[in-house]
Each structure stands twice: as structure tokens, then as C-alpha cells.
Amino acid sequence: MIVIVSGLPRSGTSLMMHMLEAGGLPLLTDPQRPADADNPNGYWEYTPVQRLHEDNTWVAQAEGKALKVISALLQYLPPQHLYKILSMQRPMSEVLASQAVMLKRRGEPRGQADDQTLGTIFTQHLEHTARWLVAQPHMTVLPVAYHAVLADPLGTATQVAAFLGLPLAVAAMAHTVDPRLHRQRI
């Protein structure tokens, strides 16, 4: 089994990866994207994921580990593995606000689309992805609400451990949640 933490960028995927590591689950990550003001605890990414659509031959290295894969790349995971996917759900307005702040801090352009257009595109993408996931016999999904993680870290950690069927250290997972990092709110 491979644990996949997925969702839109800025939806809480790094938070969940941090929780899983604290819970005792090995992660497949690299140090290429260090912590910064937008993710002070780190990004918990593995650089080859960015090219998953071109090369997925390395995915077997993630067996027994957690790997962060944005929702747009889930379709490129090879079907010979079993995946348990933690799908992070965050209100679209917060995702967009968080992305805008991050891009501004980095001095990068926002692009041509306004928030309403981006929100529509992202919502349609998430709906399409959810329908696609239901049809994948090698994938099971647990939606995880970002706000639920903040409101009840222990309850969420317990739910995640049960879904994964692993004896994770749920108290340690819950302890990693820092509500002060919830900076873009609806």
C-alpha cells in the first residue's frame, strides 16, 4: 500500500504530511523545497512527483510510505499499486487567498484569471477527479476537511489512522497541528 496525500495546492497537504510523519509513517520526500514563510514546517514534497505524467517508474519506492501528489497528477499513478488517498478539502476562497499571498511574497505574477474563474476551474477539476477516483479499484479515498483538522486534530488523526489501518501515534499527530498557521480565512 502507498499512502497518498492529495488536494489542490494550499489545501493542507503539507499539514497532513507533517501529521503522518509525527504519527510514525515513513514519508517519501526530499529537501529540494525547504520551509519558508508560507509553509514554516516544510512542504514535504518529492521532486519526481512533478514529472509523474512523464515518468512514474519510481513510484514503487513509496510502498509503505506517504507521498504528496497534487490532485491533477493522481491519474498518473501506476495501477499496479494499492493506494489509500487522503484528499484534503479546504474552502476554495481560502485556497485562492493562500495562493495569492504566496505568489505575492515570492514576487511571482498571479496570472490572467480572476478568483471567480480560478475557483470555477478548480471546483470543476475537483469534481472530475472525485468521479474518476470512485471508478479506480486500486484507490480508496478519505476526504479530510482542513477545518476539521484544525477544530479536532485528535479526532481527525484517529480517523486517518483507522482509514489507513495503521497503528499511528495519533496524539503525536494531533500535537503537530498549529492553528496559528491558519492565516487565510473565509
N, C-alpha and C. Protein backbone atom coordinates (compact mmCIF):
# COMPACT_ATOMS: atom_id res chain seq x y z
N MET A 1 0.83 -1.18 0.00
CA MET A 1 0.00 0.00 0.00
C MET A 1 0.88 1.25 0.00
N ILE A 2 0.40 2.26 -0.71
CA ILE A 2 1.04 3.57 -0.72
C ILE A 2 0.00 4.57 -0.23
N VAL A 3 0.39 5.40 0.73
CA VAL A 3 -0.48 6.46 1.22
C VAL A 3 -0.20 7.71 0.40
N ILE A 4 -1.24 8.27 -0.17
CA ILE A 4 -1.12 9.49 -0.97
C ILE A 4 -1.86 10.61 -0.25
N VAL A 5 -1.18 11.73 -0.06
CA VAL A 5 -1.82 12.93 0.47
C VAL A 5 -2.02 13.85 -0.73
N SER A 6 -3.28 14.19 -0.99
CA SER A 6 -3.59 14.92 -2.21
C SER A 6 -4.56 16.07 -1.95
N GLY A 7 -4.74 16.85 -2.97
CA GLY A 7 -5.64 18.00 -2.93
C GLY A 7 -5.08 19.09 -3.81
N LEU A 8 -5.73 20.23 -3.79
CA LEU A 8 -5.20 21.39 -4.50
C LEU A 8 -3.99 21.92 -3.74
N PRO A 9 -3.09 22.61 -4.44
CA PRO A 9 -2.04 23.31 -3.70
C PRO A 9 -2.68 24.28 -2.69
N ARG A 10 -2.10 24.36 -1.51
CA ARG A 10 -2.55 25.24 -0.43
C ARG A 10 -3.82 24.73 0.26
N SER A 11 -4.09 23.43 0.15
CA SER A 11 -5.30 22.87 0.76
C SER A 11 -5.05 22.16 2.09
N GLY A 12 -3.80 22.12 2.54
CA GLY A 12 -3.48 21.45 3.79
C GLY A 12 -2.70 20.16 3.61
N THR A 13 -2.17 19.93 2.42
CA THR A 13 -1.43 18.69 2.17
C THR A 13 -0.15 18.62 3.00
N SER A 14 0.55 19.75 3.14
CA SER A 14 1.78 19.75 3.94
C SER A 14 1.48 19.48 5.40
N LEU A 15 0.39 20.04 5.89
CA LEU A 15 -0.04 19.79 7.27
C LEU A 15 -0.26 18.30 7.48
N MET A 16 -0.96 17.64 6.56
CA MET A 16 -1.23 16.21 6.71
C MET A 16 0.05 15.39 6.63
N MET A 17 0.97 15.76 5.76
CA MET A 17 2.25 15.04 5.69
C MET A 17 3.00 15.18 7.01
N HIS A 18 2.98 16.35 7.60
CA HIS A 18 3.63 16.58 8.89
C HIS A 18 2.99 15.69 9.96
N MET A 19 1.66 15.61 9.95
CA MET A 19 0.94 14.77 10.91
C MET A 19 1.33 13.30 10.74
N LEU A 20 1.38 12.84 9.50
CA LEU A 20 1.70 11.43 9.25
C LEU A 20 3.12 11.09 9.72
N GLU A 21 4.06 11.99 9.47
CA GLU A 21 5.41 11.74 9.93
C GLU A 21 5.44 11.65 11.46
N ALA A 22 4.76 12.59 12.13
CA ALA A 22 4.71 12.56 13.60
C ALA A 22 4.05 11.28 14.10
N GLY A 23 3.11 10.75 13.31
CA GLY A 23 2.43 9.53 13.69
C GLY A 23 3.25 8.28 13.51
N GLY A 24 4.40 8.41 12.85
CA GLY A 24 5.28 7.25 12.67
C GLY A 24 5.27 6.65 11.29
N LEU A 25 4.58 7.25 10.34
CA LEU A 25 4.56 6.72 8.97
C LEU A 25 5.75 7.28 8.21
N PRO A 26 6.58 6.43 7.61
CA PRO A 26 7.68 6.94 6.80
C PRO A 26 7.13 7.74 5.60
N LEU A 27 7.88 8.75 5.20
CA LEU A 27 7.48 9.59 4.07
C LEU A 27 8.50 9.45 2.95
N LEU A 28 8.04 9.62 1.72
CA LEU A 28 8.95 9.74 0.58
C LEU A 28 9.00 11.22 0.23
N THR A 29 10.08 11.88 0.65
CA THR A 29 10.28 13.31 0.43
C THR A 29 11.74 13.55 0.10
N ASP A 30 12.04 14.78 -0.30
CA ASP A 30 13.42 15.20 -0.47
C ASP A 30 13.53 16.65 0.03
N PRO A 31 14.74 17.15 0.17
CA PRO A 31 14.93 18.50 0.73
C PRO A 31 14.92 19.62 -0.31
N GLN A 32 14.43 19.36 -1.51
CA GLN A 32 14.54 20.34 -2.58
C GLN A 32 13.73 21.62 -2.33
N ARG A 33 12.63 21.53 -1.61
CA ARG A 33 11.82 22.71 -1.33
C ARG A 33 11.78 22.91 0.17
N PRO A 34 12.67 23.75 0.69
CA PRO A 34 12.75 23.94 2.15
C PRO A 34 11.59 24.76 2.70
N ALA A 35 11.45 24.71 4.00
CA ALA A 35 10.43 25.50 4.69
C ALA A 35 10.65 26.98 4.38
N ASP A 36 9.56 27.73 4.39
CA ASP A 36 9.62 29.17 4.18
C ASP A 36 8.47 29.83 4.92
N ALA A 37 8.25 31.11 4.70
CA ALA A 37 7.20 31.83 5.41
C ALA A 37 5.81 31.29 5.10
N ASP A 38 5.63 30.72 3.92
CA ASP A 38 4.31 30.18 3.55
C ASP A 38 4.05 28.81 4.14
N ASN A 39 5.09 28.03 4.34
CA ASN A 39 5.00 26.71 4.97
C ASN A 39 6.15 26.57 5.95
N PRO A 40 6.03 27.17 7.16
CA PRO A 40 7.15 27.17 8.10
C PRO A 40 7.56 25.78 8.59
N ASN A 41 6.70 24.78 8.45
CA ASN A 41 7.05 23.42 8.86
C ASN A 41 7.56 22.58 7.70
N GLY A 42 7.60 23.16 6.51
CA GLY A 42 8.09 22.44 5.34
C GLY A 42 6.99 22.07 4.37
N TYR A 43 7.40 21.66 3.19
CA TYR A 43 6.46 21.29 2.12
C TYR A 43 6.27 19.79 2.00
N TRP A 44 7.23 19.01 2.46
CA TRP A 44 7.12 17.54 2.48
C TRP A 44 6.90 16.97 1.07
N GLU A 45 7.66 17.48 0.11
CA GLU A 45 7.48 17.08 -1.28
C GLU A 45 8.61 16.17 -1.75
N TYR A 46 8.35 15.48 -2.85
CA TYR A 46 9.33 14.64 -3.51
C TYR A 46 9.38 15.12 -4.96
N THR A 47 10.51 15.67 -5.38
CA THR A 47 10.63 16.35 -6.67
C THR A 47 10.17 15.51 -7.87
N PRO A 48 10.46 14.21 -7.96
CA PRO A 48 9.99 13.45 -9.12
C PRO A 48 8.47 13.46 -9.32
N VAL A 49 7.71 13.78 -8.28
CA VAL A 49 6.24 13.84 -8.44
C VAL A 49 5.86 14.87 -9.49
N GLN A 50 6.64 15.94 -9.61
CA GLN A 50 6.33 16.98 -10.58
C GLN A 50 6.34 16.46 -12.02
N ARG A 51 7.06 15.38 -12.25
CA ARG A 51 7.14 14.79 -13.59
C ARG A 51 6.42 13.45 -13.66
N LEU A 52 5.50 13.23 -12.76
CA LEU A 52 4.78 11.95 -12.70
C LEU A 52 4.11 11.62 -14.02
N HIS A 53 3.62 12.62 -14.74
CA HIS A 53 2.97 12.39 -16.03
C HIS A 53 3.95 11.93 -17.11
N GLU A 54 5.25 12.12 -16.88
CA GLU A 54 6.27 11.68 -17.83
C GLU A 54 6.98 10.41 -17.39
N ASP A 55 7.11 10.23 -16.07
CA ASP A 55 7.84 9.08 -15.54
C ASP A 55 7.27 8.69 -14.18
N ASN A 56 6.65 7.52 -14.12
CA ASN A 56 6.12 7.03 -12.84
C ASN A 56 6.80 5.72 -12.42
N THR A 57 7.92 5.41 -13.03
CA THR A 57 8.60 4.15 -12.74
C THR A 57 9.15 4.08 -11.32
N TRP A 58 9.33 5.20 -10.67
CA TRP A 58 9.91 5.27 -9.32
C TRP A 58 8.87 5.08 -8.21
N VAL A 59 7.59 5.04 -8.55
CA VAL A 59 6.52 5.04 -7.53
C VAL A 59 6.63 3.86 -6.56
N ALA A 60 7.17 2.75 -6.98
CA ALA A 60 7.32 1.60 -6.08
C ALA A 60 8.15 1.94 -4.85
N GLN A 61 9.00 2.97 -4.94
CA GLN A 61 9.79 3.41 -3.78
C GLN A 61 8.91 3.91 -2.64
N ALA A 62 7.67 4.25 -2.95
CA ALA A 62 6.74 4.79 -1.95
C ALA A 62 5.97 3.70 -1.21
N GLU A 63 6.16 2.43 -1.56
CA GLU A 63 5.46 1.34 -0.85
C GLU A 63 5.71 1.45 0.66
N GLY A 64 4.63 1.44 1.43
CA GLY A 64 4.74 1.52 2.88
C GLY A 64 5.02 2.91 3.40
N LYS A 65 4.93 3.91 2.52
CA LYS A 65 5.22 5.29 2.89
C LYS A 65 4.08 6.21 2.46
N ALA A 66 4.20 7.47 2.85
CA ALA A 66 3.27 8.50 2.39
C ALA A 66 3.99 9.39 1.37
N LEU A 67 3.24 9.80 0.38
CA LEU A 67 3.76 10.61 -0.72
C LEU A 67 2.73 11.70 -1.03
N LYS A 68 3.19 12.91 -1.21
CA LYS A 68 2.30 14.03 -1.54
C LYS A 68 2.20 14.17 -3.06
N VAL A 69 0.95 14.11 -3.57
CA VAL A 69 0.69 14.22 -5.01
C VAL A 69 -0.51 15.14 -5.20
N ILE A 70 -0.32 16.27 -5.89
CA ILE A 70 -1.46 17.16 -6.10
C ILE A 70 -2.52 16.43 -6.93
N SER A 71 -3.75 16.84 -6.78
CA SER A 71 -4.87 16.13 -7.39
C SER A 71 -4.76 16.02 -8.91
N ALA A 72 -4.17 16.98 -9.57
CA ALA A 72 -4.05 16.94 -11.03
C ALA A 72 -3.15 15.81 -11.51
N LEU A 73 -2.32 15.26 -10.65
CA LEU A 73 -1.38 14.20 -11.06
C LEU A 73 -1.80 12.80 -10.62
N LEU A 74 -2.90 12.67 -9.90
CA LEU A 74 -3.32 11.36 -9.41
C LEU A 74 -3.50 10.34 -10.54
N GLN A 75 -3.99 10.81 -11.67
CA GLN A 75 -4.26 9.89 -12.78
C GLN A 75 -3.02 9.22 -13.34
N TYR A 76 -1.84 9.72 -12.99
CA TYR A 76 -0.59 9.16 -13.50
C TYR A 76 0.05 8.15 -12.55
N LEU A 77 -0.60 7.89 -11.42
CA LEU A 77 -0.08 6.85 -10.52
C LEU A 77 -0.29 5.49 -11.16
N PRO A 78 0.74 4.65 -11.20
CA PRO A 78 0.60 3.34 -11.87
C PRO A 78 -0.42 2.45 -11.16
N PRO A 79 -1.26 1.77 -11.92
CA PRO A 79 -2.37 0.99 -11.35
C PRO A 79 -1.97 -0.31 -10.67
N GLN A 80 -0.72 -0.72 -10.74
CA GLN A 80 -0.33 -1.98 -10.11
C GLN A 80 -0.14 -1.86 -8.60
N HIS A 81 -0.29 -0.67 -8.04
CA HIS A 81 -0.16 -0.47 -6.60
C HIS A 81 -1.54 -0.18 -5.99
N LEU A 82 -1.65 -0.47 -4.71
CA LEU A 82 -2.85 -0.09 -3.96
C LEU A 82 -2.57 1.23 -3.26
N TYR A 83 -3.52 2.17 -3.38
CA TYR A 83 -3.34 3.50 -2.82
C TYR A 83 -4.47 3.81 -1.84
N LYS A 84 -4.09 4.38 -0.72
CA LYS A 84 -5.07 4.98 0.19
C LYS A 84 -4.81 6.48 0.13
N ILE A 85 -5.81 7.21 -0.30
CA ILE A 85 -5.64 8.63 -0.59
C ILE A 85 -6.35 9.47 0.46
N LEU A 86 -5.59 10.37 1.08
CA LEU A 86 -6.14 11.36 1.99
C LEU A 86 -6.33 12.62 1.16
N SER A 87 -7.58 12.92 0.86
CA SER A 87 -7.91 14.05 -0.01
C SER A 87 -8.25 15.27 0.83
N MET A 88 -7.33 16.23 0.85
CA MET A 88 -7.51 17.42 1.67
C MET A 88 -8.53 18.37 1.02
N GLN A 89 -9.47 18.80 1.83
CA GLN A 89 -10.56 19.66 1.38
C GLN A 89 -10.49 20.98 2.15
N ARG A 90 -10.36 22.08 1.44
CA ARG A 90 -10.32 23.40 2.08
C ARG A 90 -11.22 24.34 1.28
N PRO A 91 -11.92 25.24 1.94
CA PRO A 91 -12.78 26.16 1.19
C PRO A 91 -11.99 26.86 0.08
N MET A 92 -12.61 26.94 -1.09
CA MET A 92 -11.94 27.49 -2.26
C MET A 92 -11.45 28.91 -2.03
N SER A 93 -12.22 29.71 -1.32
CA SER A 93 -11.79 31.10 -1.07
C SER A 93 -10.48 31.14 -0.29
N GLU A 94 -10.30 30.20 0.63
CA GLU A 94 -9.05 30.16 1.41
C GLU A 94 -7.89 29.64 0.56
N VAL A 95 -8.14 28.66 -0.29
CA VAL A 95 -7.10 28.15 -1.19
C VAL A 95 -6.60 29.28 -2.08
N LEU A 96 -7.54 30.01 -2.67
CA LEU A 96 -7.17 31.10 -3.58
C LEU A 96 -6.45 32.22 -2.85
N ALA A 97 -6.93 32.57 -1.66
CA ALA A 97 -6.27 33.62 -0.87
C ALA A 97 -4.86 33.20 -0.49
N SER A 98 -4.68 31.95 -0.09
CA SER A 98 -3.37 31.46 0.30
C SER A 98 -2.42 31.45 -0.88
N GLN A 99 -2.92 31.03 -2.06
CA GLN A 99 -2.08 31.05 -3.26
C GLN A 99 -1.67 32.47 -3.61
N ALA A 100 -2.61 33.41 -3.51
CA ALA A 100 -2.32 34.80 -3.85
C ALA A 100 -1.24 35.38 -2.94
N VAL A 101 -1.34 35.11 -1.65
CA VAL A 101 -0.35 35.60 -0.70
C VAL A 101 1.02 34.99 -0.99
N MET A 102 1.05 33.69 -1.28
CA MET A 102 2.31 33.02 -1.56
C MET A 102 2.96 33.60 -2.82
N LEU A 103 2.18 33.78 -3.88
CA LEU A 103 2.73 34.32 -5.12
C LEU A 103 3.24 35.74 -4.92
N LYS A 104 2.50 36.54 -4.18
CA LYS A 104 2.92 37.92 -3.91
C LYS A 104 4.23 37.94 -3.12
N ARG A 105 4.34 37.09 -2.12
CA ARG A 105 5.54 37.03 -1.29
C ARG A 105 6.75 36.63 -2.14
N ARG A 106 6.53 35.78 -3.12
CA ARG A 106 7.62 35.33 -3.98
C ARG A 106 7.90 36.29 -5.14
N GLY A 107 7.02 37.27 -5.31
CA GLY A 107 7.18 38.21 -6.42
C GLY A 107 6.81 37.61 -7.76
N GLU A 108 5.96 36.56 -7.74
CA GLU A 108 5.54 35.90 -8.97
C GLU A 108 4.18 36.45 -9.41
N PRO A 109 3.95 36.52 -10.72
CA PRO A 109 2.65 37.01 -11.20
C PRO A 109 1.52 36.04 -10.88
N ARG A 110 0.34 36.57 -10.69
CA ARG A 110 -0.83 35.75 -10.37
C ARG A 110 -1.43 35.07 -11.58
N GLY A 111 -1.18 35.56 -12.74
CA GLY A 111 -1.81 35.02 -13.94
C GLY A 111 -2.98 35.89 -14.34
N GLN A 112 -3.62 35.54 -15.42
CA GLN A 112 -4.67 36.36 -16.00
C GLN A 112 -6.05 36.12 -15.38
N ALA A 113 -6.29 34.92 -14.87
CA ALA A 113 -7.63 34.56 -14.38
C ALA A 113 -7.92 35.20 -13.03
N ASP A 114 -9.15 35.67 -12.86
CA ASP A 114 -9.57 36.22 -11.57
C ASP A 114 -9.98 35.07 -10.65
N ASP A 115 -10.21 35.41 -9.37
CA ASP A 115 -10.53 34.36 -8.39
C ASP A 115 -11.80 33.60 -8.74
N GLN A 116 -12.78 34.27 -9.27
CA GLN A 116 -14.04 33.57 -9.61
C GLN A 116 -13.77 32.53 -10.70
N THR A 117 -13.02 32.92 -11.73
CA THR A 117 -12.71 31.99 -12.81
C THR A 117 -11.86 30.83 -12.30
N LEU A 118 -10.81 31.16 -11.54
CA LEU A 118 -9.97 30.10 -10.97
C LEU A 118 -10.77 29.17 -10.07
N GLY A 119 -11.63 29.75 -9.25
CA GLY A 119 -12.47 28.94 -8.37
C GLY A 119 -13.34 27.97 -9.15
N THR A 120 -13.90 28.44 -10.23
CA THR A 120 -14.74 27.58 -11.08
C THR A 120 -13.91 26.46 -11.70
N ILE A 121 -12.75 26.82 -12.22
CA ILE A 121 -11.87 25.82 -12.84
C ILE A 121 -11.45 24.78 -11.82
N PHE A 122 -11.00 25.22 -10.65
CA PHE A 122 -10.55 24.30 -9.61
C PHE A 122 -11.70 23.42 -9.11
N THR A 123 -12.88 24.00 -8.94
CA THR A 123 -14.04 23.22 -8.49
C THR A 123 -14.40 22.15 -9.50
N GLN A 124 -14.42 22.50 -10.77
CA GLN A 124 -14.71 21.51 -11.82
C GLN A 124 -13.64 20.42 -11.82
N HIS A 125 -12.39 20.80 -11.66
CA HIS A 125 -11.31 19.81 -11.60
C HIS A 125 -11.52 18.84 -10.43
N LEU A 126 -11.84 19.38 -9.25
CA LEU A 126 -12.04 18.52 -8.08
C LEU A 126 -13.23 17.60 -8.26
N GLU A 127 -14.31 18.09 -8.86
CA GLU A 127 -15.48 17.24 -9.12
C GLU A 127 -15.14 16.13 -10.10
N HIS A 128 -14.41 16.47 -11.17
CA HIS A 128 -14.00 15.46 -12.15
C HIS A 128 -13.08 14.42 -11.49
N THR A 129 -12.14 14.88 -10.68
CA THR A 129 -11.21 13.98 -10.01
C THR A 129 -11.95 13.05 -9.05
N ALA A 130 -12.91 13.58 -8.30
CA ALA A 130 -13.69 12.75 -7.37
C ALA A 130 -14.45 11.65 -8.13
N ARG A 131 -15.04 11.99 -9.26
CA ARG A 131 -15.76 10.98 -10.06
C ARG A 131 -14.78 9.93 -10.59
N TRP A 132 -13.62 10.36 -11.04
CA TRP A 132 -12.62 9.45 -11.57
C TRP A 132 -12.13 8.51 -10.48
N LEU A 133 -11.88 9.03 -9.29
CA LEU A 133 -11.37 8.21 -8.19
C LEU A 133 -12.33 7.09 -7.80
N VAL A 134 -13.62 7.37 -7.83
CA VAL A 134 -14.61 6.35 -7.48
C VAL A 134 -14.50 5.13 -8.39
N ALA A 135 -14.09 5.35 -9.62
CA ALA A 135 -14.01 4.27 -10.60
C ALA A 135 -12.67 3.52 -10.56
N GLN A 136 -11.77 3.89 -9.67
CA GLN A 136 -10.45 3.26 -9.62
C GLN A 136 -10.44 2.17 -8.55
N PRO A 137 -10.40 0.89 -8.95
CA PRO A 137 -10.45 -0.19 -7.97
C PRO A 137 -9.21 -0.29 -7.08
N HIS A 138 -8.11 0.32 -7.49
CA HIS A 138 -6.87 0.24 -6.72
C HIS A 138 -6.68 1.46 -5.80
N MET A 139 -7.72 2.30 -5.71
CA MET A 139 -7.63 3.51 -4.89
C MET A 139 -8.84 3.63 -3.98
N THR A 140 -8.60 3.94 -2.70
CA THR A 140 -9.67 4.29 -1.78
C THR A 140 -9.36 5.68 -1.23
N VAL A 141 -10.41 6.43 -0.96
CA VAL A 141 -10.23 7.84 -0.62
C VAL A 141 -10.93 8.19 0.69
N LEU A 142 -10.23 8.96 1.51
CA LEU A 142 -10.83 9.56 2.70
C LEU A 142 -10.76 11.07 2.53
N PRO A 143 -11.90 11.75 2.35
CA PRO A 143 -11.87 13.21 2.33
C PRO A 143 -11.55 13.71 3.74
N VAL A 144 -10.65 14.67 3.83
CA VAL A 144 -10.25 15.24 5.12
C VAL A 144 -10.44 16.75 5.04
N ALA A 145 -11.37 17.28 5.81
CA ALA A 145 -11.64 18.71 5.81
C ALA A 145 -10.57 19.44 6.60
N TYR A 146 -9.96 20.42 5.98
CA TYR A 146 -8.93 21.23 6.62
C TYR A 146 -9.43 21.83 7.93
N HIS A 147 -10.65 22.34 7.91
CA HIS A 147 -11.20 22.95 9.12
C HIS A 147 -11.43 21.92 10.23
N ALA A 148 -11.74 20.68 9.86
CA ALA A 148 -11.91 19.62 10.85
C ALA A 148 -10.56 19.29 11.51
N VAL A 149 -9.49 19.33 10.71
CA VAL A 149 -8.16 19.09 11.27
C VAL A 149 -7.86 20.14 12.34
N LEU A 150 -8.17 21.40 12.04
CA LEU A 150 -7.90 22.49 12.98
C LEU A 150 -8.81 22.41 14.21
N ALA A 151 -10.06 22.08 14.00
CA ALA A 151 -11.04 22.06 15.09
C ALA A 151 -10.88 20.84 16.01
N ASP A 152 -10.51 19.71 15.43
CA ASP A 152 -10.41 18.47 16.21
C ASP A 152 -9.23 17.64 15.70
N PRO A 153 -8.00 18.07 16.00
CA PRO A 153 -6.83 17.34 15.50
C PRO A 153 -6.79 15.88 15.94
N LEU A 154 -7.14 15.61 17.18
CA LEU A 154 -7.09 14.23 17.68
C LEU A 154 -8.13 13.37 16.99
N GLY A 155 -9.33 13.90 16.83
CA GLY A 155 -10.38 13.16 16.14
C GLY A 155 -10.00 12.87 14.69
N THR A 156 -9.43 13.86 14.03
CA THR A 156 -9.01 13.67 12.64
C THR A 156 -7.88 12.64 12.56
N ALA A 157 -6.90 12.75 13.45
CA ALA A 157 -5.78 11.80 13.46
C ALA A 157 -6.28 10.38 13.69
N THR A 158 -7.24 10.23 14.58
CA THR A 158 -7.82 8.91 14.87
C THR A 158 -8.54 8.37 13.63
N GLN A 159 -9.28 9.23 12.96
CA GLN A 159 -9.99 8.83 11.73
C GLN A 159 -9.01 8.42 10.64
N VAL A 160 -7.93 9.18 10.47
CA VAL A 160 -6.92 8.88 9.46
C VAL A 160 -6.26 7.54 9.76
N ALA A 161 -5.87 7.32 11.01
CA ALA A 161 -5.22 6.05 11.38
C ALA A 161 -6.15 4.86 11.12
N ALA A 162 -7.43 5.02 11.44
CA ALA A 162 -8.40 3.94 11.20
C ALA A 162 -8.55 3.67 9.70
N PHE A 163 -8.65 4.72 8.91
CA PHE A 163 -8.77 4.57 7.46
C PHE A 163 -7.55 3.86 6.88
N LEU A 164 -6.37 4.24 7.34
CA LEU A 164 -5.15 3.62 6.83
C LEU A 164 -4.93 2.22 7.39
N GLY A 165 -5.59 1.91 8.52
CA GLY A 165 -5.39 0.61 9.14
C GLY A 165 -4.00 0.46 9.73
N LEU A 166 -3.47 1.57 10.24
CA LEU A 166 -2.12 1.58 10.77
C LEU A 166 -2.12 2.03 12.23
N PRO A 167 -1.21 1.49 13.03
CA PRO A 167 -1.13 1.90 14.44
C PRO A 167 -0.32 3.20 14.60
N LEU A 168 -0.86 4.27 14.08
CA LEU A 168 -0.16 5.56 14.14
C LEU A 168 -0.28 6.17 15.52
N ALA A 169 0.68 6.99 15.87
CA ALA A 169 0.68 7.71 17.15
C ALA A 169 -0.22 8.94 17.00
N VAL A 170 -1.52 8.74 17.25
CA VAL A 170 -2.49 9.79 16.95
C VAL A 170 -2.30 11.03 17.83
N ALA A 171 -1.88 10.87 19.07
CA ALA A 171 -1.65 12.04 19.93
C ALA A 171 -0.51 12.89 19.38
N ALA A 172 0.55 12.25 18.90
CA ALA A 172 1.67 12.98 18.30
C ALA A 172 1.23 13.67 17.01
N MET A 173 0.38 12.99 16.24
CA MET A 173 -0.14 13.60 15.02
C MET A 173 -0.91 14.88 15.36
N ALA A 174 -1.78 14.77 16.33
CA ALA A 174 -2.61 15.92 16.72
C ALA A 174 -1.76 17.06 17.24
N HIS A 175 -0.69 16.73 17.92
CA HIS A 175 0.18 17.75 18.51
C HIS A 175 0.86 18.63 17.46
N THR A 176 1.01 18.15 16.23
CA THR A 176 1.67 18.94 15.18
C THR A 176 0.79 20.06 14.64
N VAL A 177 -0.51 19.99 14.88
CA VAL A 177 -1.44 20.98 14.32
C VAL A 177 -1.28 22.29 15.06
N ASP A 178 -0.97 23.34 14.32
CA ASP A 178 -0.78 24.67 14.88
C ASP A 178 -1.81 25.62 14.27
N PRO A 179 -2.90 25.90 14.97
CA PRO A 179 -3.96 26.76 14.42
C PRO A 179 -3.46 28.16 14.03
N ARG A 180 -2.32 28.59 14.57
CA ARG A 180 -1.79 29.91 14.20
C ARG A 180 -1.38 29.96 12.72
N LEU A 181 -1.16 28.80 12.10
CA LEU A 181 -0.78 28.78 10.72
C LEU A 181 -1.99 28.87 9.78
N HIS A 182 -3.17 28.92 10.32
CA HIS A 182 -4.38 29.14 9.52
C HIS A 182 -4.54 30.65 9.34
N ARG A 183 -3.86 31.17 8.32
CA ARG A 183 -3.78 32.62 8.17
C ARG A 183 -4.77 33.19 7.16
N GLN A 184 -5.14 32.45 6.13
CA GLN A 184 -6.12 32.93 5.18
C GLN A 184 -7.45 32.26 5.51
N ARG A 185 -8.38 33.06 5.98
CA ARG A 185 -9.68 32.54 6.44
C ARG A 185 -10.80 33.09 5.59
N ILE A 186 -11.90 32.29 5.53
CA ILE A 186 -13.06 32.77 4.78
C ILE A 186 -13.85 33.77 5.60
